[in-house]
Amino acid sequence: MTVLHAVLMQSVLISGGTEAGYSKAYASAYESGRPLLVLVGSDENAGYQTMKQDIMPQLQANGDLTQVAYATVNMDQEAELAQRIMSGNNVPQLVMYYNTPGTGWQRKQIAGETTVAEIARFIKTGVSASSSSQSAVNVRTVSASNWNGSRGWSTIQPRSSNNLRFRGIFCIGGS
């Protein structure tokens, strides 16, 4: 999958609380570089039910989930997976994994029922941190062995622009 394709992909919203759903969201996050957002809880927990049935659909309707791969994990049905994801015993937990430059994948969480606005801010922090780690796109690579003599060498340092980073040496101008 190319970086441009990954950047242009729309969000994958995966629900239903199955390990296959989590696996698809995980794969989507890993391939695209987008954060992985996982809601973990129990059917018996009112906070989890509120988050799953009311709060997360509002975030989806607002477009806040379009920049993440999202999954739910029901700890009653998938206890082992839930234990691997959770930190502590508070339920529900909203866990986000995001990739940052130089340090790799990081983890943040919110424990307990929370608001739409707080989760939207939480998502934005992960998206901001991971957007600078998108893979570089090399438009044209020029080296001493394949340089055609064109003038105007320019070195462009890694820099974020519309969620894409361009890096390398480019030949600008004609001969």
Protein backbone atom coordinates (compact mmCIF):
# COMPACT_ATOMS: atom_id res chain seq x y z
CA MET A 1 0.00 0.00 0.00
CA THR A 2 1.44 3.38 -0.94
CA VAL A 3 1.58 6.23 1.53
CA LEU A 4 -0.58 8.39 -0.71
CA HIS A 5 -3.18 5.63 -0.82
CA ALA A 6 -3.03 5.25 2.95
CA VAL A 7 -3.43 8.99 3.51
CA LEU A 8 -6.43 9.10 1.21
CA MET A 9 -8.11 6.07 2.76
CA GLN A 10 -11.22 6.78 4.73
CA SER A 11 -11.57 5.69 8.31
CA VAL A 12 -12.47 2.13 9.05
CA LEU A 13 -15.14 2.02 11.72
CA ILE A 14 -15.22 -1.40 13.22
CA SER A 15 -17.64 -2.32 15.91
CA GLY A 16 -19.32 -5.39 17.18
CA GLY A 17 -16.73 -6.30 19.77
CA THR A 18 -15.10 -9.25 18.07
CA GLU A 19 -11.41 -10.07 18.03
CA ALA A 20 -11.66 -10.12 14.23
CA GLY A 21 -12.95 -6.52 14.46
CA TYR A 22 -10.03 -5.55 16.67
CA SER A 23 -7.61 -7.30 14.32
CA LYS A 24 -8.96 -5.40 11.31
CA ALA A 25 -8.72 -2.08 13.14
CA TYR A 26 -5.18 -2.95 14.29
CA ALA A 27 -4.14 -3.83 10.73
CA SER A 28 -5.70 -0.64 9.38
CA ALA A 29 -3.89 1.49 11.96
CA TYR A 30 -0.57 -0.24 11.36
CA GLU A 31 -0.78 0.08 7.56
CA SER A 32 -2.06 3.65 7.47
CA GLY A 33 -0.21 5.12 10.44
CA ARG A 34 -3.49 6.35 11.90
CA PRO A 35 -4.10 5.95 15.62
CA LEU A 36 -5.91 2.86 16.88
CA LEU A 37 -8.77 3.70 19.25
CA VAL A 38 -10.23 0.86 21.32
CA LEU A 39 -13.19 1.03 23.69
CA VAL A 40 -12.98 -1.76 26.29
CA GLY A 41 -15.77 -2.56 28.70
CA SER A 42 -18.33 -4.96 30.08
CA ASP A 43 -22.01 -5.46 29.32
CA GLU A 44 -22.72 -5.04 33.03
CA ASN A 45 -21.05 -1.60 33.12
CA ALA A 46 -23.42 1.33 32.55
CA GLY A 47 -20.53 3.63 31.58
CA TYR A 48 -19.42 1.24 28.84
CA GLN A 49 -22.97 0.96 27.51
CA THR A 50 -23.33 4.77 27.45
CA MET A 51 -20.00 5.17 25.69
CA LYS A 52 -20.74 2.43 23.16
CA GLN A 53 -24.37 3.36 22.42
CA ASP A 54 -24.41 7.16 22.85
CA ILE A 55 -20.99 8.82 23.00
CA MET A 56 -19.09 6.95 20.23
CA PRO A 57 -21.96 7.26 17.69
CA GLN A 58 -21.98 11.04 18.35
CA LEU A 59 -18.24 11.14 17.66
CA GLN A 60 -18.82 9.20 14.45
CA ALA A 61 -21.59 11.60 13.38
CA ASN A 62 -19.33 14.59 14.16
CA GLY A 63 -16.56 13.09 11.99
CA ASP A 64 -14.15 12.70 14.91
CA LEU A 65 -13.65 8.99 14.21
CA THR A 66 -12.64 9.51 10.57
CA GLN A 67 -8.96 9.89 11.49
CA VAL A 68 -8.65 6.74 13.56
CA ALA A 69 -9.21 3.01 13.26
CA TYR A 70 -11.83 2.20 15.90
CA ALA A 71 -12.86 -1.03 17.57
CA THR A 72 -14.77 -2.13 20.64
CA VAL A 73 -13.72 -5.03 22.86
CA ASN A 74 -16.24 -6.58 25.21
CA MET A 75 -14.32 -7.96 28.17
CA ASP A 76 -17.13 -10.43 28.93
CA GLN A 77 -16.67 -12.07 25.53
CA GLU A 78 -12.96 -11.45 24.96
CA ALA A 79 -11.38 -11.47 28.39
CA GLU A 80 -7.84 -12.28 27.23
CA LEU A 81 -7.78 -9.57 24.55
CA ALA A 82 -9.29 -7.05 26.98
CA GLN A 83 -6.60 -7.84 29.58
CA ARG A 84 -3.84 -7.29 27.00
CA ILE A 85 -5.28 -3.89 26.09
CA MET A 86 -6.34 -2.59 29.50
CA SER A 87 -4.19 -0.97 32.15
CA GLY A 88 -5.82 -1.17 35.55
CA ASN A 89 -9.31 -2.34 36.40
CA ASN A 90 -11.40 0.78 35.76
CA VAL A 91 -14.12 0.25 33.15
CA PRO A 92 -14.77 1.51 30.57
CA GLN A 93 -11.36 2.27 29.14
CA LEU A 94 -10.76 4.15 25.91
CA VAL A 95 -7.26 3.24 24.78
CA MET A 96 -5.40 4.91 21.92
CA TYR A 97 -2.23 3.69 20.28
CA TYR A 98 -0.47 6.17 18.01
CA ASN A 99 2.84 6.18 16.16
CA THR A 100 5.28 9.02 16.85
CA PRO A 101 8.53 9.89 15.05
CA GLY A 102 11.58 8.45 16.74
CA THR A 103 9.76 6.70 19.56
CA GLY A 104 7.36 4.40 17.71
CA TRP A 105 3.95 3.36 18.95
CA GLN A 106 2.74 5.04 22.15
CA ARG A 107 -0.27 4.33 24.36
CA LYS A 108 -2.70 6.68 26.11
CA GLN A 109 -5.98 5.97 27.84
CA ILE A 110 -9.03 7.48 29.42
CA ALA A 111 -10.61 5.43 32.20
CA GLY A 112 -14.27 5.85 33.04
CA GLU A 113 -17.19 7.39 31.23
CA THR A 114 -16.36 10.73 29.64
CA THR A 115 -17.80 13.38 27.32
CA VAL A 116 -17.84 13.74 23.55
CA ALA A 117 -15.70 16.90 23.79
CA GLU A 118 -13.05 15.23 25.97
CA ILE A 119 -12.79 12.23 23.64
CA ALA A 120 -12.57 14.52 20.59
CA ARG A 121 -9.60 16.32 22.23
CA PHE A 122 -8.09 12.94 23.14
CA ILE A 123 -8.33 11.79 19.52
CA LYS A 124 -6.81 15.03 18.22
CA THR A 125 -3.73 14.61 20.42
CA GLY A 126 -3.06 11.16 18.97
CA VAL A 127 -3.74 12.29 15.41
CA SER A 128 -1.44 15.31 15.82
CA ALA A 129 1.36 13.20 17.26
CA SER A 130 1.06 10.53 14.59
CA SER A 131 0.53 12.82 11.58
CA SER A 132 4.16 13.90 11.69
CA SER A 133 5.23 10.25 11.48
CA GLN A 134 3.60 9.49 8.13
CA SER A 135 6.06 7.81 5.83
CA ALA A 136 7.89 10.00 3.41
CA VAL A 137 7.03 10.06 -0.26
CA ASN A 138 9.98 10.34 -2.62
CA VAL A 139 8.77 12.12 -5.73
CA ARG A 140 12.09 11.76 -7.54
CA THR A 141 15.38 10.58 -6.17
CA VAL A 142 18.48 11.94 -7.82
CA SER A 143 21.95 10.69 -6.99
CA ALA A 144 25.37 11.32 -8.49
CA SER A 145 24.97 8.16 -10.57
CA ASN A 146 21.68 9.16 -12.23
CA TRP A 147 21.90 12.96 -12.30
CA ASN A 148 21.34 14.26 -15.83
CA GLY A 149 23.17 17.54 -15.39
CA SER A 150 20.14 19.70 -14.62
CA ARG A 151 20.72 22.87 -12.64
CA GLY A 152 19.04 23.90 -9.44
CA TRP A 153 19.75 21.18 -6.88
CA SER A 154 17.53 21.53 -3.89
CA THR A 155 17.49 19.52 -0.70
CA ILE A 156 14.11 19.38 1.00
CA GLN A 157 14.15 18.37 4.63
CA PRO A 158 11.37 16.19 6.02
CA ARG A 159 8.43 18.48 6.54
CA SER A 160 4.74 18.01 7.01
CA SER A 161 2.46 19.39 4.30
CA ASN A 162 -1.12 18.21 3.93
CA ASN A 163 -0.28 15.05 5.90
CA LEU A 164 2.52 14.12 3.48
CA ARG A 165 6.23 14.52 3.99
CA PHE A 166 8.59 14.87 1.11
CA ARG A 167 12.24 14.08 1.58
CA GLY A 168 15.24 13.77 -0.66
CA ILE A 169 17.16 15.65 -3.28
CA PHE A 170 15.16 17.00 -6.19
CA CYS A 171 16.34 18.36 -9.49
CA ILE A 172 14.58 21.65 -10.23
CA GLY A 173 14.78 23.40 -13.57
CA GLY A 174 16.06 22.24 -16.92
CA SER A 175 19.41 21.86 -18.55
